[in-house]
């Protein structure tokens, strides 16, 4: 390696590049082979040299025997797929979508997407800022590009001044206030249930739809948690219903948690009684709790998608004459938290039901609920 031959110099260059990559994550730059050996060890260095030599050998093969471009493309796809064991489906979908968008930008402008560099990434952020894209989405795209680089063993300094300063400028110009989806509050919830109950369609659809909405609201569920429920997760007790949550956004390793829903005095809006009715009508006694229908309103065994929850909410908001453009599947969860805060529920009680790990989001709900209740203008007399 140190004999001065071109091949030896190339190998040393590759070793230093790997040693300084995000794969190892060393705080300071490793600028010579001796330091690389002392930090990484001879065994690891041996493996790196062997891998480098193997790749050089394969690179000389004809494409019909060993096409390295296809190999790396396949490797990139496998890297993304391996994330599935540690990230939620929505997170994986975002990584793939974000990096695909970055790749298109690079392809159109003659840049290399993997590995990339801070200058290219900064130009990409500027490109995004010229479109109608929220600052939260721009920041997520940056994270996605950085994650893919790290998992591929490439170093990308996402804290580089050219990226950070550019991002700060974008924040000042676009603003950082998040415009969240509207919460579905109790008055509109009651109107929706009334409309559902007045529908003269198939009884089984009426029962399913009202149960999804009442349970989603009453339990402060994320839409993915809601559609992931199975019959086996339900435990009816004298006080109401205990629901086992196998996995959630804040519980990626599946430690599990339990939500408790008491019986309501008003039967019309009681999620527990609504589930009992749904189980009687559907005859479900195992598997997915909420399912799709075949043509003719025949219940299938196929679990509903989380997008179905959002579509359902929009459908019934439209029927009660409410503009549904700024509502989503999250509106049930945020509606519960906001309504509970408005009714005077304690912060920790709301968090126990919703599963929030941080108080930040819950306090936003409480603040919104108290906008008129604790308004100083109420003290003035005109």
Protein backbone atom coordinates (compact mmCIF):
# COMPACT_ATOMS: atom_id res chain seq x y z
CA UNK A 1 0.00 0.00 0.00
CA UNK A 2 2.81 2.43 0.81
CA UNK A 3 5.09 1.40 -2.04
CA UNK A 4 4.09 4.29 -4.30
CA UNK A 5 2.35 2.23 -6.98
CA UNK A 6 -0.73 3.80 -8.56
CA UNK A 7 -2.96 0.94 -7.50
CA UNK A 8 -1.69 1.28 -3.92
CA UNK A 9 -2.38 5.02 -3.88
CA UNK A 10 -5.88 4.45 -5.22
CA UNK A 11 -6.57 1.86 -2.53
CA UNK A 12 -5.30 4.21 0.20
CA UNK A 13 -7.53 6.96 -1.18
CA UNK A 14 -10.55 4.64 -1.04
CA UNK A 15 -9.73 3.53 2.51
CA UNK A 16 -9.52 7.13 3.72
CA UNK A 17 -12.77 7.94 1.94
CA UNK A 18 -14.50 5.05 3.68
CA UNK A 19 -12.90 5.90 7.04
CA UNK A 20 -14.28 9.44 6.79
CA UNK A 21 -17.75 8.33 5.70
CA UNK A 22 -20.91 8.37 7.80
CA UNK A 23 -20.55 4.60 8.18
CA UNK A 24 -17.95 5.15 10.92
CA UNK A 25 -19.04 8.64 11.98
CA UNK A 26 -15.68 9.81 13.38
CA UNK A 27 -15.79 13.35 14.74
CA UNK A 28 -12.51 14.47 13.13
CA UNK A 29 -11.10 13.87 9.67
CA UNK A 30 -8.72 10.91 9.20
CA UNK A 31 -6.05 12.13 6.81
CA UNK A 32 -3.48 9.32 6.67
CA UNK A 33 -3.31 5.54 6.51
CA UNK A 34 -1.42 5.18 9.79
CA UNK A 35 -4.19 6.94 11.70
CA UNK A 36 -6.84 4.90 9.87
CA UNK A 37 -5.10 1.68 10.98
CA UNK A 38 -4.79 2.83 14.60
CA UNK A 39 -8.48 3.78 14.81
CA UNK A 40 -10.14 1.09 12.71
CA UNK A 41 -7.78 -1.80 13.44
CA UNK A 42 -5.93 -4.10 11.04
CA UNK A 43 -8.75 -6.66 10.78
CA UNK A 44 -11.29 -4.06 9.65
CA UNK A 45 -8.73 -2.51 7.31
CA UNK A 46 -8.04 -5.94 5.80
CA UNK A 47 -11.76 -6.40 5.07
CA UNK A 48 -12.02 -2.96 3.48
CA UNK A 49 -9.00 -3.55 1.22
CA UNK A 50 -10.40 -6.96 0.26
CA UNK A 51 -13.79 -5.45 -0.55
CA UNK A 52 -12.19 -2.65 -2.55
CA UNK A 53 -10.07 -5.08 -4.55
CA UNK A 54 -13.10 -7.27 -5.21
CA UNK A 55 -15.07 -4.32 -6.54
CA UNK A 56 -12.15 -3.30 -8.79
CA UNK A 57 -12.01 -6.82 -10.17
CA UNK A 58 -15.76 -6.94 -10.86
CA UNK A 59 -15.56 -3.54 -12.55
CA UNK A 60 -13.36 -5.09 -15.27
CA UNK A 61 -15.93 -7.77 -16.08
CA UNK A 62 -18.18 -7.34 -19.16
CA UNK A 63 -21.65 -5.99 -18.30
CA UNK A 64 -23.36 -9.17 -19.44
CA UNK A 65 -21.45 -11.07 -16.73
CA UNK A 66 -21.43 -8.52 -13.90
CA UNK A 67 -23.17 -5.20 -14.47
CA UNK A 68 -22.01 -3.00 -11.58
CA UNK A 69 -24.43 -0.18 -12.40
CA UNK A 70 -27.34 -2.60 -11.94
CA UNK A 71 -25.67 -3.98 -8.82
CA UNK A 72 -25.48 -0.55 -7.16
CA UNK A 73 -29.02 0.32 -8.24
CA UNK A 74 -30.26 -2.93 -6.74
CA UNK A 75 -28.15 -2.27 -3.65
CA UNK A 76 -29.78 1.14 -3.24
CA UNK A 77 -33.24 -0.42 -3.45
CA UNK A 78 -32.29 -3.10 -0.91
CA UNK A 79 -31.01 -0.44 1.48
CA UNK A 80 -34.38 1.29 1.41
CA UNK A 81 -36.19 -2.02 1.88
CA UNK A 82 -34.04 -2.86 4.92
CA UNK A 83 -35.43 0.23 6.62
CA UNK A 84 -38.80 -1.52 6.90
CA UNK A 85 -37.65 -3.43 9.95
CA UNK A 86 -36.99 -0.23 11.91
CA UNK A 87 -39.29 2.42 10.45
CA UNK A 88 -43.02 2.77 9.88
CA UNK A 89 -44.51 2.31 6.42
CA UNK A 90 -45.27 6.03 6.16
CA UNK A 91 -41.67 6.91 7.03
CA UNK A 92 -40.32 4.47 4.43
CA UNK A 93 -42.73 5.88 1.86
CA UNK A 94 -41.47 9.39 2.64
CA UNK A 95 -37.78 8.37 2.38
CA UNK A 96 -38.36 6.73 -1.01
CA UNK A 97 -40.46 9.57 -2.35
CA UNK A 98 -38.10 12.29 -1.08
CA UNK A 99 -34.94 10.69 -2.41
CA UNK A 100 -36.65 9.96 -5.73
CA UNK A 101 -37.48 13.67 -6.03
CA UNK A 102 -33.89 14.59 -5.19
CA UNK A 103 -32.67 12.09 -7.81
CA UNK A 104 -34.91 13.67 -10.47
CA UNK A 105 -33.57 17.13 -9.62
CA UNK A 106 -29.99 15.88 -9.93
CA UNK A 107 -30.68 14.07 -13.21
CA UNK A 108 -32.27 17.15 -14.78
CA UNK A 109 -29.38 19.39 -13.76
CA UNK A 110 -26.45 17.05 -14.37
CA UNK A 111 -25.61 16.41 -10.70
CA UNK A 112 -24.78 13.13 -8.99
CA UNK A 113 -27.38 12.11 -6.44
CA UNK A 114 -25.38 9.43 -4.61
CA UNK A 115 -22.97 10.40 -3.27
CA UNK A 116 -23.88 14.06 -3.41
CA UNK A 117 -22.34 17.14 -1.80
CA UNK A 118 -23.53 20.12 0.31
CA UNK A 119 -23.53 22.50 -2.66
CA UNK A 120 -25.87 20.28 -4.69
CA UNK A 121 -28.15 19.70 -1.70
CA UNK A 122 -28.28 23.44 -1.01
CA UNK A 123 -29.26 24.10 -4.63
CA UNK A 124 -31.98 21.45 -4.26
CA UNK A 125 -33.36 23.21 -1.17
CA UNK A 126 -33.41 26.51 -3.08
CA UNK A 127 -35.27 24.79 -5.91
CA UNK A 128 -37.86 23.46 -3.44
CA UNK A 129 -38.29 26.90 -1.86
CA UNK A 130 -39.33 28.39 -5.21
CA UNK A 131 -42.28 25.98 -5.33
CA UNK A 132 -45.31 25.92 -3.09
CA UNK A 133 -43.70 23.54 -0.59
CA UNK A 134 -43.93 23.90 3.20
CA UNK A 135 -40.77 24.43 5.24
CA UNK A 136 -41.55 21.23 7.17
CA UNK A 137 -41.51 19.28 3.88
CA UNK A 138 -38.22 20.90 2.83
CA UNK A 139 -36.64 19.90 6.16
CA UNK A 140 -37.98 16.35 5.80
CA UNK A 141 -36.50 16.09 2.29
CA UNK A 142 -33.11 17.12 3.69
CA UNK A 143 -33.35 14.46 6.40
CA UNK A 144 -34.31 11.81 3.83
CA UNK A 145 -31.34 12.62 1.58
CA UNK A 146 -29.02 12.48 4.59
CA UNK A 147 -30.46 9.17 5.82
CA UNK A 148 -30.04 7.44 2.44
CA UNK A 149 -26.45 8.66 2.21
CA UNK A 150 -25.65 7.40 5.69
CA UNK A 151 -27.18 3.99 5.07
CA UNK A 152 -25.20 3.67 1.86
CA UNK A 153 -21.96 4.45 3.69
CA UNK A 154 -21.51 7.87 2.10
CA UNK A 155 -20.64 10.97 4.08
CA UNK A 156 -22.89 13.99 3.54
CA UNK A 157 -22.51 16.93 5.89
CA UNK A 158 -26.11 18.10 6.26
CA UNK A 159 -24.87 20.64 8.84
CA UNK A 160 -22.57 22.28 6.29
CA UNK A 161 -22.81 26.13 6.37
CA UNK A 162 -24.02 26.27 2.76
CA UNK A 163 -26.99 24.08 3.74
CA UNK A 164 -27.74 25.57 7.17
CA UNK A 165 -27.49 29.21 6.09
CA UNK A 166 -29.63 28.55 3.05
CA UNK A 167 -32.25 26.77 5.17
CA UNK A 168 -32.31 29.68 7.63
CA UNK A 169 -32.90 32.10 4.76
CA UNK A 170 -35.73 29.93 3.44
CA UNK A 171 -37.32 29.82 6.91
CA UNK A 172 -37.22 33.62 7.22
CA UNK A 173 -38.71 34.08 3.77
CA UNK A 174 -41.40 31.41 3.95
CA UNK A 175 -42.06 31.45 7.69
CA UNK A 176 -42.06 28.37 9.91
CA UNK A 177 -45.61 28.34 11.26
CA UNK A 178 -47.18 24.94 10.69
CA UNK A 179 -50.68 24.99 9.26
CA UNK A 180 -52.15 21.81 10.67
CA UNK A 181 -55.33 20.07 9.62
CA UNK A 182 -58.49 21.19 11.37
CA UNK A 183 -59.73 19.17 14.35
CA UNK A 184 -63.14 17.52 14.12
CA UNK A 185 -64.92 18.98 17.15
CA UNK A 186 -67.92 17.59 19.04
CA UNK A 187 -70.63 19.64 17.30
CA UNK A 188 -69.56 18.47 13.85
CA UNK A 189 -69.01 14.95 15.15
CA UNK A 190 -72.65 14.80 16.34
CA UNK A 191 -73.86 16.10 12.98
CA UNK A 192 -71.86 13.41 11.17
CA UNK A 193 -73.27 10.63 13.35
CA UNK A 194 -76.79 11.98 12.76
CA UNK A 195 -76.24 11.94 8.99
CA UNK A 196 -74.82 8.41 9.10
CA UNK A 197 -77.76 7.12 11.15
CA UNK A 198 -80.24 8.69 8.74
CA UNK A 199 -78.67 6.96 5.73
CA UNK A 200 -80.99 4.41 4.16
CA UNK A 201 -78.14 2.37 2.75
CA UNK A 202 -76.86 -1.00 3.84
CA UNK A 203 -77.00 -1.36 7.63
CA UNK A 204 -73.55 -2.93 7.75
CA UNK A 205 -71.86 0.11 6.15
CA UNK A 206 -73.71 2.48 8.46
CA UNK A 207 -72.49 0.51 11.48
CA UNK A 208 -68.89 0.33 10.26
CA UNK A 209 -68.61 4.00 9.36
CA UNK A 210 -70.10 5.33 12.62
CA UNK A 211 -67.87 2.97 14.63
CA UNK A 212 -64.70 4.12 12.85
CA UNK A 213 -65.51 7.77 13.50
CA UNK A 214 -66.67 7.36 17.12
CA UNK A 215 -63.76 5.10 18.03
CA UNK A 216 -61.19 7.22 16.21
CA UNK A 217 -62.40 10.29 18.09
CA UNK A 218 -63.10 8.67 21.46
CA UNK A 219 -59.73 6.93 21.62
CA UNK A 220 -57.65 9.73 20.14
CA UNK A 221 -56.32 7.23 17.60
CA UNK A 222 -53.82 7.79 14.86
CA UNK A 223 -55.43 6.55 11.67
CA UNK A 224 -52.86 3.76 11.27
CA UNK A 225 -53.51 2.57 14.83
CA UNK A 226 -57.23 2.57 14.13
CA UNK A 227 -57.18 0.45 10.99
CA UNK A 228 -54.55 -1.91 12.48
CA UNK A 229 -56.93 -3.07 15.22
CA UNK A 230 -57.93 -6.74 15.28
CA UNK A 231 -60.83 -8.46 17.04
CA UNK A 232 -58.24 -10.05 19.33
CA UNK A 233 -57.20 -6.58 20.59
CA UNK A 234 -60.58 -5.95 22.22
CA UNK A 235 -61.35 -6.75 25.86
CA UNK A 236 -64.84 -5.83 27.06
CA UNK A 237 -65.08 -5.28 30.81
CA UNK A 238 -67.79 -3.99 33.17
CA UNK A 239 -66.52 -0.42 32.92
CA UNK A 240 -66.23 -0.35 29.14
CA UNK A 241 -63.57 -1.51 26.68
CA UNK A 242 -59.83 -2.05 26.92
CA UNK A 243 -58.00 -1.93 23.59
CA UNK A 244 -54.54 -3.35 23.07
CA UNK A 245 -52.37 -1.17 20.80
CA UNK A 246 -49.70 -3.50 19.44
CA UNK A 247 -47.57 -0.84 17.80
CA UNK A 248 -47.69 2.89 17.14
CA UNK A 249 -45.69 5.80 15.78
CA UNK A 250 -44.08 6.38 19.18
CA UNK A 251 -43.71 2.65 19.88
CA UNK A 252 -41.79 1.33 16.86
CA UNK A 253 -40.51 -1.76 18.71
CA UNK A 254 -43.98 -2.97 19.62
CA UNK A 255 -43.86 -2.81 23.42
CA UNK A 256 -47.60 -2.21 23.28
CA UNK A 257 -50.05 -0.12 25.30
CA UNK A 258 -53.69 -0.21 26.38
CA UNK A 259 -56.41 2.39 25.85
CA UNK A 260 -59.49 2.34 28.07
CA UNK A 261 -62.83 3.60 26.78
CA UNK A 262 -65.70 3.87 29.31
CA UNK A 263 -69.39 3.58 28.46
CA UNK A 264 -71.04 6.92 27.60
CA UNK A 265 -74.34 7.97 29.15
CA UNK A 266 -75.60 8.95 25.71
CA UNK A 267 -75.82 5.70 23.71
CA UNK A 268 -75.84 7.54 20.38
CA UNK A 269 -72.21 8.65 20.70
CA UNK A 270 -70.77 5.78 22.75
CA UNK A 271 -67.87 4.13 20.88
CA UNK A 272 -68.02 1.01 23.06
CA UNK A 273 -71.69 0.30 22.26
CA UNK A 274 -71.05 1.15 18.62
CA UNK A 275 -68.28 -1.49 18.44
CA UNK A 276 -70.55 -4.06 20.07
CA UNK A 277 -73.22 -3.36 17.47
CA UNK A 278 -70.64 -3.54 14.65
CA UNK A 279 -69.42 -6.94 15.83
CA UNK A 280 -72.98 -8.28 15.98
CA UNK A 281 -73.88 -7.06 12.50
CA UNK A 282 -70.57 -8.02 10.83
CA UNK A 283 -70.15 -11.37 12.63
CA UNK A 284 -66.43 -10.61 12.96
CA UNK A 285 -64.82 -12.89 15.54
CA UNK A 286 -61.19 -12.83 14.40
CA UNK A 287 -58.78 -10.75 12.32
CA UNK A 288 -59.09 -7.13 11.12
CA UNK A 289 -61.74 -5.07 12.88
CA UNK A 290 -62.38 -2.67 9.99
CA UNK A 291 -62.57 -4.12 6.49
CA UNK A 292 -63.33 -3.22 2.91
CA UNK A 293 -66.54 -4.10 1.12
CA UNK A 294 -66.89 -6.01 -2.11
CA UNK A 295 -69.44 -4.88 -4.67
CA UNK A 296 -72.94 -5.27 -3.30
CA UNK A 297 -71.82 -4.32 0.21
CA UNK A 298 -70.48 -7.77 0.98
CA UNK A 299 -67.88 -7.55 3.75
CA UNK A 300 -64.42 -8.81 2.79
CA UNK A 301 -61.52 -10.01 4.93
CA UNK A 302 -59.26 -7.24 3.60
CA UNK A 303 -58.18 -4.60 6.10
CA UNK A 304 -59.04 -0.97 5.34
CA UNK A 305 -56.16 1.34 4.39
CA UNK A 306 -55.33 4.32 6.61
CA UNK A 307 -56.25 6.60 3.71
CA UNK A 308 -59.80 5.25 3.92
CA UNK A 309 -60.25 6.98 7.28
CA UNK A 310 -59.46 10.38 5.74
CA UNK A 311 -61.78 9.73 2.80
CA UNK A 312 -64.57 8.71 5.16
CA UNK A 313 -64.26 11.91 7.21
CA UNK A 314 -64.25 14.05 4.07
CA UNK A 315 -67.28 12.22 2.69
CA UNK A 316 -69.45 12.89 5.74
CA UNK A 317 -68.20 16.45 6.29
CA UNK A 318 -69.33 17.16 2.76
CA UNK A 319 -72.75 15.70 3.57
CA UNK A 320 -73.23 18.02 6.57
CA UNK A 321 -72.20 21.03 4.47
CA UNK A 322 -68.70 21.62 5.89
CA UNK A 323 -65.76 22.45 3.63
CA UNK A 324 -63.61 19.31 3.97
CA UNK A 325 -60.47 20.59 2.22
CA UNK A 326 -58.50 21.13 5.43
CA UNK A 327 -59.54 17.96 7.27
CA UNK A 328 -57.75 14.62 7.31
CA UNK A 329 -57.58 11.32 9.17
CA UNK A 330 -55.70 13.19 11.90
CA UNK A 331 -58.77 15.38 12.52
CA UNK A 332 -60.35 12.72 14.76
CA UNK A 333 -57.27 12.57 17.00
CA UNK A 334 -56.74 16.33 17.17
CA UNK A 335 -60.49 16.80 17.64
CA UNK A 336 -60.44 14.58 20.73
CA UNK A 337 -57.40 16.36 22.22
CA UNK A 338 -58.82 19.83 21.57
CA UNK A 339 -62.29 18.94 22.87
CA UNK A 340 -60.85 17.26 25.98
CA UNK A 341 -58.69 20.31 26.69
CA UNK A 342 -61.69 22.59 26.21
CA UNK A 343 -63.62 20.49 28.73
CA UNK A 344 -60.82 20.94 31.28
CA UNK A 345 -59.06 17.56 31.03
CA UNK A 346 -55.52 17.52 32.42
CA UNK A 347 -52.55 17.45 30.10
CA UNK A 348 -51.36 14.06 31.33
CA UNK A 349 -54.86 12.55 30.91
CA UNK A 350 -54.97 13.67 27.29
CA UNK A 351 -51.47 12.28 26.69
CA UNK A 352 -52.41 8.96 28.29
CA UNK A 353 -55.20 8.53 25.75
CA UNK A 354 -53.46 9.90 22.63
CA UNK A 355 -50.07 8.33 23.35
CA UNK A 356 -48.14 11.56 22.87
CA UNK A 357 -44.62 11.31 24.29
CA UNK A 358 -43.98 15.04 24.17
CA UNK A 359 -46.10 17.76 25.79
CA UNK A 360 -45.39 20.20 22.95
CA UNK A 361 -48.18 19.05 20.64
CA UNK A 362 -50.69 18.55 23.45
CA UNK A 363 -50.04 22.07 24.71
CA UNK A 364 -50.81 23.38 21.24
CA UNK A 365 -54.22 21.72 21.46
CA UNK A 366 -54.78 23.16 24.94
CA UNK A 367 -53.73 26.62 23.78
CA UNK A 368 -56.18 26.49 20.88
CA UNK A 369 -58.98 25.23 23.12
CA UNK A 370 -58.46 28.15 25.51
CA UNK A 371 -58.30 30.93 22.89
CA UNK A 372 -61.79 32.18 23.80
CA UNK A 373 -62.15 30.70 27.28
CA UNK A 374 -59.26 32.70 28.78
CA UNK A 375 -59.52 35.66 26.42
CA UNK A 376 -58.72 38.98 28.10
CA UNK A 377 -61.35 40.69 25.95
CA UNK A 378 -64.03 38.83 27.89
CA UNK A 379 -63.17 40.98 30.94
CA UNK A 380 -64.01 44.22 29.14
CA UNK A 381 -67.49 45.64 29.38
CA UNK A 382 -69.01 47.62 26.52
